[in-house]
Amino acid sequence: MYAKFATRMDNIKGSAIRALLKLADQPDIISFAGGFPAPEFFPVKEMELVSKKVLEEDGMAALQYGPTDGLPALRKHICKLMEPQHIKADISEILVTGGSQQGLDMAGMLFIDKGDVVITESPSYLGALNAFKAYEPVFVEIEMDEEGMLIDKLEEALEANKGKVKFIYTIPDFQNPTGRTMAIDRRKKMVELANKYGVYILEDNPYGSLRFEGEIHPAIKSFDTEGRVIYLGTMSKIFCPGLRLGWIYGSPEVINKFNLIKQGVDLQCNSMAQRECATFFDMYDINAHIAKIVETYRNRRDLMIKTIKETFPKGVSYTHPEGGLFLWVTLPEGIDSKDVFEKALEKKVAFVAGEPFYPNGGNANHFRLNYSNMPEDKIVEGTKRLGELLTEMLG
């Protein structure tokens, strides 16, 4: 059968993480690969009551079409969720999306023409890179240190690509994959540079509520003076990922554009899921729910780092995230983490090799570990196995 697909399909590859998750989806595998929340915190019993209440009190509306921008009651709760990050939003500035991943894809659709420049952290979130690649941009990577993107390097890139940059993509809080957090002064400076060079900032913040230590940092959006920051959020890491609910917060002009795109993509998000989420927030304390998640993830992070210190050989370094789901391991130059992964899988341990997180490839001597999904005993055992393997490989 003859079929000529769009040329953009040449740039769309299967997710490396999804492929690895299939390999790791075996009961005897200790998987540090996915960015999965801990399923024991899914409020199953509460959602039984919530679903019953929604169907009994608002069943016909819950099963009917709804507004493209989302259920007003849910958007009110979303505004409250962002308040700790010094954001004061109105529901008219919120668009509900099918997880933040849909927001990333729609941002690519809205901004990127073939050959446009997208600036990202190096490394960056693989799911965002895959979403943007469909629109054929040129990626310019900016180095990071422990306080996030290097602002002097960002300014150099903006100057060198003046007139070509569409947006800066950043995950400022507990970045995926490194777990690093951007310093507050760099957030302010990024906004100043965006204003100076006339570009947008796409602030992706799935993990901001999952802080284990220190003070919550104001969102980059909180420093926005010209409507140049577009904020993406999600319910997936703090509530129920299976509901596939996220949001975009931006200026009315930007939200109107996204609204038009969403009308063409899927008309709206699931009416029932939106009502269930809003009703849960009405009936239960979401902040108390998040606090329980944070306590467990903090303990699991501490346990993984303790075991790394005890078992990993010299020459291997790692980040110490203040929150979120991930830490980032750096191996000596010349060691390919894909080789380590293959040997680790023989020991029934999985993680994600680092190279796919770099938009332009290279940097194979890194890998990402997730500590949110595995119970404590498996974190210790799996990390020990990796330590033993790395000791064997590095001598």
Protein backbone atom coordinates (compact mmCIF):
# COMPACT_ATOMS: atom_id res chain seq x y z
CA MET A 1 0.00 0.00 0.00
CA TYR A 2 1.35 3.42 -0.97
CA ALA A 3 1.21 6.14 1.65
CA LYS A 4 3.18 9.36 1.74
CA PHE A 5 3.45 10.65 5.27
CA ALA A 6 4.23 14.22 6.22
CA THR A 7 7.95 15.00 6.31
CA ARG A 8 7.63 15.92 9.99
CA MET A 9 7.28 12.20 10.74
CA ASP A 10 10.96 11.82 9.90
CA ASN A 11 11.71 13.80 13.07
CA ILE A 12 9.38 11.86 15.36
CA LYS A 13 11.03 8.97 17.16
CA GLY A 14 9.65 6.67 19.79
CA SER A 15 10.26 7.79 23.36
CA ALA A 16 13.41 6.21 24.76
CA ILE A 17 11.80 6.25 28.19
CA ARG A 18 8.65 4.49 27.00
CA ALA A 19 10.74 1.84 25.30
CA LEU A 20 12.76 1.24 28.45
CA LEU A 21 9.63 1.07 30.57
CA LYS A 22 8.44 -1.86 28.46
CA LEU A 23 11.71 -3.65 29.18
CA ALA A 24 11.45 -2.78 32.85
CA ASP A 25 7.78 -3.74 33.19
CA GLN A 26 8.54 -7.07 34.79
CA PRO A 27 7.80 -7.97 38.41
CA ASP A 28 11.42 -8.92 39.13
CA ILE A 29 12.89 -5.66 37.76
CA ILE A 30 13.73 -2.84 40.18
CA SER A 31 12.93 0.14 37.99
CA PHE A 32 14.34 3.61 38.56
CA ALA A 33 13.46 4.45 34.94
CA GLY A 34 10.05 6.14 34.77
CA GLY A 35 8.82 9.37 36.25
CA PHE A 36 5.94 7.55 37.90
CA PRO A 37 4.41 8.82 41.16
CA ALA A 38 4.00 6.37 44.02
CA PRO A 39 0.71 4.55 43.33
CA GLU A 40 0.00 3.97 47.02
CA PHE A 41 -0.88 7.67 47.26
CA PHE A 42 -3.58 7.54 44.61
CA PRO A 43 -6.79 8.33 46.55
CA VAL A 44 -8.77 5.34 45.30
CA LYS A 45 -11.35 5.16 48.09
CA GLU A 46 -11.87 8.92 48.09
CA MET A 47 -12.33 8.91 44.31
CA GLU A 48 -15.04 6.27 44.63
CA LEU A 49 -17.03 8.74 46.73
CA VAL A 50 -16.12 11.64 44.47
CA SER A 51 -17.24 9.85 41.31
CA LYS A 52 -20.50 8.82 42.94
CA LYS A 53 -21.15 12.39 44.08
CA VAL A 54 -20.42 13.83 40.62
CA LEU A 55 -22.73 11.39 38.86
CA GLU A 56 -25.54 11.77 41.38
CA GLU A 57 -25.44 15.56 41.56
CA ASP A 58 -24.20 16.59 38.10
CA GLY A 59 -24.24 13.44 35.99
CA MET A 60 -25.67 14.80 32.76
CA ALA A 61 -23.24 17.74 32.68
CA ALA A 62 -20.33 15.46 33.56
CA LEU A 63 -21.08 13.27 30.55
CA GLN A 64 -21.72 16.18 28.15
CA TYR A 65 -19.36 18.38 26.15
CA GLY A 66 -17.85 21.28 28.07
CA PRO A 67 -15.99 24.53 27.45
CA THR A 68 -12.66 24.37 25.65
CA ASP A 69 -10.84 26.38 28.32
CA GLY A 70 -11.99 24.00 31.06
CA LEU A 71 -14.41 23.73 33.96
CA PRO A 72 -14.48 27.07 35.83
CA ALA A 73 -14.54 25.33 39.23
CA LEU A 74 -11.36 23.44 38.36
CA ARG A 75 -9.62 26.55 37.06
CA LYS A 76 -10.35 28.28 40.38
CA HIS A 77 -8.57 25.46 42.21
CA ILE A 78 -5.66 25.69 39.78
CA CYS A 79 -5.27 29.37 40.60
CA LYS A 80 -5.03 28.46 44.31
CA LEU A 81 -2.44 25.76 43.60
CA MET A 82 -0.10 28.35 42.08
CA GLU A 83 -0.39 30.90 44.92
CA PRO A 84 2.57 29.51 46.96
CA GLN A 85 4.80 30.37 43.98
CA HIS A 86 3.75 34.03 44.23
CA ILE A 87 1.32 33.75 41.32
CA LYS A 88 -1.99 35.59 41.33
CA ALA A 89 -3.95 34.26 38.36
CA ASP A 90 -7.49 34.73 37.14
CA ILE A 91 -9.42 31.80 35.69
CA SER A 92 -9.64 33.67 32.37
CA GLU A 93 -5.85 33.19 32.10
CA ILE A 94 -6.04 29.39 32.53
CA LEU A 95 -6.57 26.72 29.88
CA VAL A 96 -7.02 23.12 31.03
CA THR A 97 -4.99 20.64 28.98
CA GLY A 98 -4.57 16.90 28.60
CA GLY A 99 -1.64 16.84 30.99
CA SER A 100 1.23 19.28 30.60
CA GLN A 101 2.46 17.16 27.69
CA GLN A 102 -0.39 18.48 25.55
CA GLY A 103 0.63 22.00 26.52
CA LEU A 104 4.16 21.32 25.27
CA ASP A 105 2.92 20.02 21.94
CA MET A 106 0.56 22.96 21.49
CA ALA A 107 3.39 25.38 22.31
CA GLY A 108 5.37 23.84 19.48
CA MET A 109 2.37 24.21 17.19
CA LEU A 110 1.85 27.82 18.21
CA PHE A 111 5.42 29.10 17.98
CA ILE A 112 7.75 26.92 15.92
CA ASP A 113 8.29 27.19 12.17
CA LYS A 114 10.91 25.02 10.52
CA GLY A 115 14.37 26.37 11.34
CA ASP A 116 13.30 28.51 14.31
CA VAL A 117 15.55 28.40 17.36
CA VAL A 118 14.38 26.90 20.64
CA ILE A 119 16.70 27.40 23.60
CA THR A 120 16.76 24.65 26.21
CA GLU A 121 18.70 23.64 29.27
CA SER A 122 21.36 21.03 28.65
CA PRO A 123 20.17 18.38 29.44
CA SER A 124 16.38 18.82 29.21
CA TYR A 125 13.12 16.89 29.47
CA LEU A 126 12.95 14.24 26.77
CA GLY A 127 9.15 14.49 26.37
CA ALA A 128 9.39 18.19 25.57
CA LEU A 129 12.21 17.67 23.10
CA ASN A 130 10.18 15.01 21.28
CA ALA A 131 7.13 17.28 21.18
CA PHE A 132 9.11 20.18 19.73
CA LYS A 133 11.03 18.09 17.20
CA ALA A 134 7.88 17.48 15.18
CA TYR A 135 7.95 21.18 14.20
CA GLU A 136 11.61 21.04 13.06
CA PRO A 137 13.33 23.67 15.22
CA VAL A 138 17.04 24.19 15.76
CA PHE A 139 17.92 23.47 19.39
CA VAL A 140 20.46 25.64 21.17
CA GLU A 141 21.58 24.09 24.45
CA ILE A 142 22.63 26.14 27.48
CA GLU A 143 24.93 24.62 30.10
CA MET A 144 23.76 24.30 33.69
CA ASP A 145 25.38 24.30 37.10
CA GLU A 146 23.80 23.47 40.45
CA GLU A 147 21.74 26.70 40.29
CA GLY A 148 20.28 26.05 36.87
CA MET A 149 20.84 27.53 33.43
CA LEU A 150 23.95 29.71 33.10
CA ILE A 151 22.54 33.14 32.41
CA ASP A 152 25.67 34.56 30.77
CA LYS A 153 25.59 31.66 28.28
CA LEU A 154 21.89 32.28 27.71
CA GLU A 155 22.54 35.92 26.87
CA GLU A 156 25.29 34.93 24.45
CA ALA A 157 22.91 32.52 22.70
CA LEU A 158 20.16 35.12 22.47
CA GLU A 159 22.57 37.63 20.98
CA ALA A 160 24.03 35.12 18.51
CA ASN A 161 20.54 34.05 17.37
CA LYS A 162 18.83 37.42 17.51
CA GLY A 163 15.54 37.37 15.61
CA LYS A 164 15.50 33.57 15.33
CA VAL A 165 14.63 32.47 18.89
CA LYS A 166 10.96 31.70 19.52
CA PHE A 167 11.15 30.71 23.16
CA ILE A 168 13.33 29.55 26.03
CA TYR A 169 12.20 26.23 27.49
CA THR A 170 13.04 25.69 31.15
CA ILE A 171 12.08 23.50 34.12
CA PRO A 172 13.19 25.73 37.00
CA ASP A 173 12.12 23.56 39.95
CA PHE A 174 13.73 20.11 40.48
CA GLN A 175 14.52 19.88 36.82
CA ASN A 176 13.95 16.74 34.79
CA PRO A 177 16.40 15.02 34.45
CA THR A 178 18.93 16.60 36.82
CA GLY A 179 16.81 17.54 39.85
CA ARG A 180 18.44 21.01 39.95
CA THR A 181 16.61 24.20 40.94
CA MET A 182 17.16 27.57 39.31
CA ALA A 183 18.30 30.37 41.63
CA ILE A 184 15.88 33.25 42.17
CA ASP A 185 18.22 35.89 40.75
CA ARG A 186 18.57 33.85 37.55
CA ARG A 187 14.78 33.68 37.22
CA LYS A 188 14.59 37.46 37.36
CA LYS A 189 17.43 37.86 34.89
CA MET A 190 15.84 35.40 32.46
CA VAL A 191 12.71 37.55 32.33
CA GLU A 192 14.84 40.66 31.73
CA LEU A 193 16.58 38.93 28.83
CA ALA A 194 13.28 37.72 27.38
CA ASN A 195 12.02 41.30 27.42
CA LYS A 196 15.23 42.63 25.90
CA TYR A 197 15.32 40.13 23.03
CA GLY A 198 11.56 39.85 22.48
CA VAL A 199 11.20 36.10 23.14
CA TYR A 200 8.85 33.96 25.19
CA ILE A 201 9.72 31.73 28.15
CA LEU A 202 8.01 28.37 28.45
CA GLU A 203 8.15 27.56 32.18
CA ASP A 204 7.38 23.88 32.73
CA ASN A 205 6.63 23.19 36.40
CA PRO A 206 5.34 19.68 37.10
CA TYR A 207 7.28 19.28 40.36
CA GLY A 208 7.14 22.68 42.07
CA SER A 209 4.82 21.52 44.87
CA LEU A 210 7.13 18.62 45.78
CA ARG A 211 9.75 20.54 47.76
CA PHE A 212 11.54 18.59 50.51
CA GLU A 213 13.69 21.32 52.03
CA GLY A 214 14.27 25.07 51.85
CA GLU A 215 11.87 27.80 50.82
CA ILE A 216 9.55 27.65 47.82
CA HIS A 217 11.00 29.76 45.00
CA PRO A 218 8.76 32.27 43.21
CA ALA A 219 7.86 31.04 39.75
CA ILE A 220 9.53 32.72 36.79
CA LYS A 221 6.01 33.76 35.82
CA SER A 222 5.76 35.81 39.03
CA PHE A 223 8.47 38.15 37.65
CA ASP A 224 6.77 38.52 34.26
CA THR A 225 6.22 42.16 33.28
CA GLU A 226 5.29 41.87 29.59
CA GLY A 227 3.26 38.66 29.35
CA ARG A 228 6.23 36.75 27.97
CA VAL A 229 6.15 33.80 30.40
CA ILE A 230 3.87 30.84 29.69
CA TYR A 231 3.50 28.54 32.69
CA LEU A 232 2.66 24.83 32.36
CA GLY A 233 1.36 22.83 35.31
CA THR A 234 -0.05 19.35 35.88
CA MET A 235 -2.10 17.25 38.30
CA SER A 236 -0.06 14.17 37.41
CA LYS A 237 2.66 14.43 40.08
CA ILE A 238 0.47 15.62 42.96
CA PHE A 239 -2.82 13.83 42.34
CA CYS A 240 -3.76 11.26 39.66
CA PRO A 241 -1.75 11.02 36.42
CA GLY A 242 -4.37 8.79 34.81
CA LEU A 243 -6.87 11.66 34.74
CA ARG A 244 -4.54 13.43 32.24
CA LEU A 245 -5.19 16.95 33.47
CA GLY A 246 -2.79 19.87 33.27
CA TRP A 247 -2.98 23.54 32.50
CA ILE A 248 -1.47 26.52 30.72
CA TYR A 249 -1.34 29.90 32.45
CA GLY A 250 -0.52 32.92 30.35
CA SER A 251 -1.58 36.34 29.15
CA PRO A 252 -5.08 36.62 27.63
CA GLU A 253 -3.55 37.02 24.16
CA VAL A 254 -1.55 33.81 24.50
CA ILE A 255 -4.39 31.83 26.10
CA ASN A 256 -6.72 32.84 23.27
CA LYS A 257 -4.25 31.40 20.77
CA PHE A 258 -3.93 28.17 22.73
CA ASN A 259 -7.71 28.00 22.98
CA LEU A 260 -8.00 28.10 19.18
CA ILE A 261 -5.42 25.32 18.87
CA LYS A 262 -7.18 23.13 21.44
CA GLN A 263 -10.48 23.52 19.59
CA GLY A 264 -8.80 21.92 16.59
CA VAL A 265 -6.94 19.27 18.60
CA ASP A 266 -9.60 17.75 20.86
CA LEU A 267 -12.25 20.42 21.61
CA GLN A 268 -11.87 20.00 25.38
CA CYS A 269 -10.53 17.83 28.19
CA ASN A 270 -12.56 15.03 29.74
CA SER A 271 -15.64 16.56 31.41
CA MET A 272 -15.98 13.79 33.98
CA ALA A 273 -12.30 13.91 34.98
CA GLN A 274 -12.42 17.68 35.43
CA ARG A 275 -15.45 17.46 37.69
CA GLU A 276 -13.94 14.64 39.68
CA CYS A 277 -10.75 16.61 40.23
CA ALA A 278 -12.58 19.79 41.24
CA THR A 279 -14.90 17.85 43.56
CA PHE A 280 -11.97 16.08 45.23
CA PHE A 281 -10.42 19.49 45.92
CA ASP A 282 -13.76 20.62 47.39
CA MET A 283 -14.13 17.57 49.63
CA TYR A 284 -10.52 16.97 50.72
CA ASP A 285 -7.40 18.91 51.63
CA ILE A 286 -5.08 18.68 48.62
CA ASN A 287 -2.25 20.32 50.58
CA ALA A 288 -2.42 17.58 53.22
CA HIS A 289 -2.38 15.02 50.43
CA ILE A 290 0.71 16.64 48.89
CA ALA A 291 2.42 16.82 52.30
CA LYS A 292 2.17 13.02 52.67
CA ILE A 293 3.71 12.55 49.23
CA VAL A 294 6.52 14.98 50.02
CA GLU A 295 7.42 13.20 53.27
CA THR A 296 7.69 9.83 51.53
CA TYR A 297 9.65 11.15 48.55
CA ARG A 298 12.06 12.96 50.87
CA ASN A 299 12.73 9.72 52.73
CA ARG A 300 13.23 7.81 49.48
CA ARG A 301 15.60 10.46 48.11
CA ASP A 302 17.61 10.37 51.34
CA LEU A 303 17.75 6.59 51.26
CA MET A 304 18.92 6.48 47.64
CA ILE A 305 21.63 9.10 48.24
CA LYS A 306 22.79 7.33 51.42
CA THR A 307 23.11 4.06 49.49
CA ILE A 308 24.89 5.79 46.61
CA LYS A 309 27.44 7.24 49.03
CA GLU A 310 28.03 3.80 50.52
CA THR A 311 28.25 1.77 47.31
CA PHE A 312 29.14 3.89 44.25
CA PRO A 313 32.84 4.05 43.33
CA LYS A 314 34.99 7.15 43.28
CA GLY A 315 34.79 9.15 40.09
CA VAL A 316 30.98 8.97 39.96
CA SER A 317 29.10 12.14 40.95
CA TYR A 318 25.41 12.88 41.42
CA THR A 319 23.02 15.71 42.15
CA HIS A 320 21.23 16.34 45.45
CA PRO A 321 17.70 17.50 44.51
CA GLU A 322 15.74 19.63 46.95
CA GLY A 323 12.51 18.10 45.67
CA GLY A 324 10.89 16.39 42.74
CA LEU A 325 11.38 12.86 41.43
CA PHE A 326 14.90 12.52 40.00
CA LEU A 327 18.61 12.69 40.56
CA TRP A 328 21.31 12.74 37.88
CA VAL A 329 24.41 10.57 37.87
CA THR A 330 27.61 11.53 36.02
CA LEU A 331 30.14 8.85 35.11
CA PRO A 332 33.76 9.41 34.12
CA GLU A 333 34.31 10.56 30.52
CA GLY A 334 34.37 7.71 28.05
CA ILE A 335 31.81 5.56 29.89
CA ASP A 336 28.57 5.12 27.93
CA SER A 337 25.56 4.80 30.22
CA LYS A 338 23.80 2.67 27.59
CA ASP A 339 26.43 0.01 28.19
CA VAL A 340 25.85 0.32 31.91
CA PHE A 341 22.10 -0.01 31.34
CA GLU A 342 22.46 -3.26 29.41
CA LYS A 343 24.55 -4.79 32.19
CA ALA A 344 22.23 -3.37 34.88
CA LEU A 345 19.24 -5.01 33.22
CA GLU A 346 21.03 -8.35 33.61
CA LYS A 347 21.09 -7.56 37.33
CA LYS A 348 17.35 -6.75 37.17
CA VAL A 349 17.77 -2.97 37.61
CA ALA A 350 16.61 -0.29 35.15
CA PHE A 351 17.26 3.43 34.73
CA VAL A 352 17.30 5.90 31.83
CA ALA A 353 20.52 6.54 29.93
CA GLY A 354 21.42 10.22 29.62
CA GLU A 355 22.10 10.90 25.95
CA PRO A 356 18.43 11.27 24.81
CA PHE A 357 18.04 14.19 27.23
CA TYR A 358 20.48 16.26 25.14
CA PRO A 359 18.69 17.84 22.14
CA ASN A 360 21.74 17.53 19.92
CA GLY A 361 23.05 14.23 21.31
CA GLY A 362 26.33 13.37 22.97
CA ASN A 363 27.06 13.39 26.70
CA ALA A 364 26.56 9.64 27.02
CA ASN A 365 28.27 9.45 30.43
CA HIS A 366 25.15 10.34 32.43
CA PHE A 367 21.99 8.60 33.58
CA ARG A 368 18.79 9.47 35.45
CA LEU A 369 17.46 7.75 38.55
CA ASN A 370 13.89 8.01 39.83
CA TYR A 371 13.25 7.50 43.55
CA SER A 372 9.50 8.17 43.80
CA ASN A 373 8.06 4.93 42.50
CA MET A 374 9.96 2.12 44.22
CA PRO A 375 9.44 1.17 47.90
CA GLU A 376 12.32 1.66 50.33
CA ASP A 377 13.64 -1.91 50.35
CA LYS A 378 13.88 -1.97 46.55
CA ILE A 379 15.58 1.44 46.48
CA VAL A 380 18.32 0.08 48.73
CA GLU A 381 18.68 -3.21 46.87
CA GLY A 382 18.57 -1.68 43.39
CA THR A 383 21.04 1.08 44.24
CA LYS A 384 23.42 -1.49 45.78
CA ARG A 385 23.29 -3.54 42.60
CA LEU A 386 24.15 -0.46 40.55
CA GLY A 387 27.02 0.35 42.93
CA GLU A 388 28.41 -3.15 42.57
CA LEU A 389 28.09 -2.99 38.78
CA LEU A 390 29.80 0.41 38.51
CA THR A 391 32.61 -0.78 40.78
CA GLU A 392 33.14 -3.78 38.49
CA MET A 393 33.10 -1.61 35.36
CA LEU A 394 35.27 1.22 36.69
CA GLY A 395 37.69 -0.91 38.65
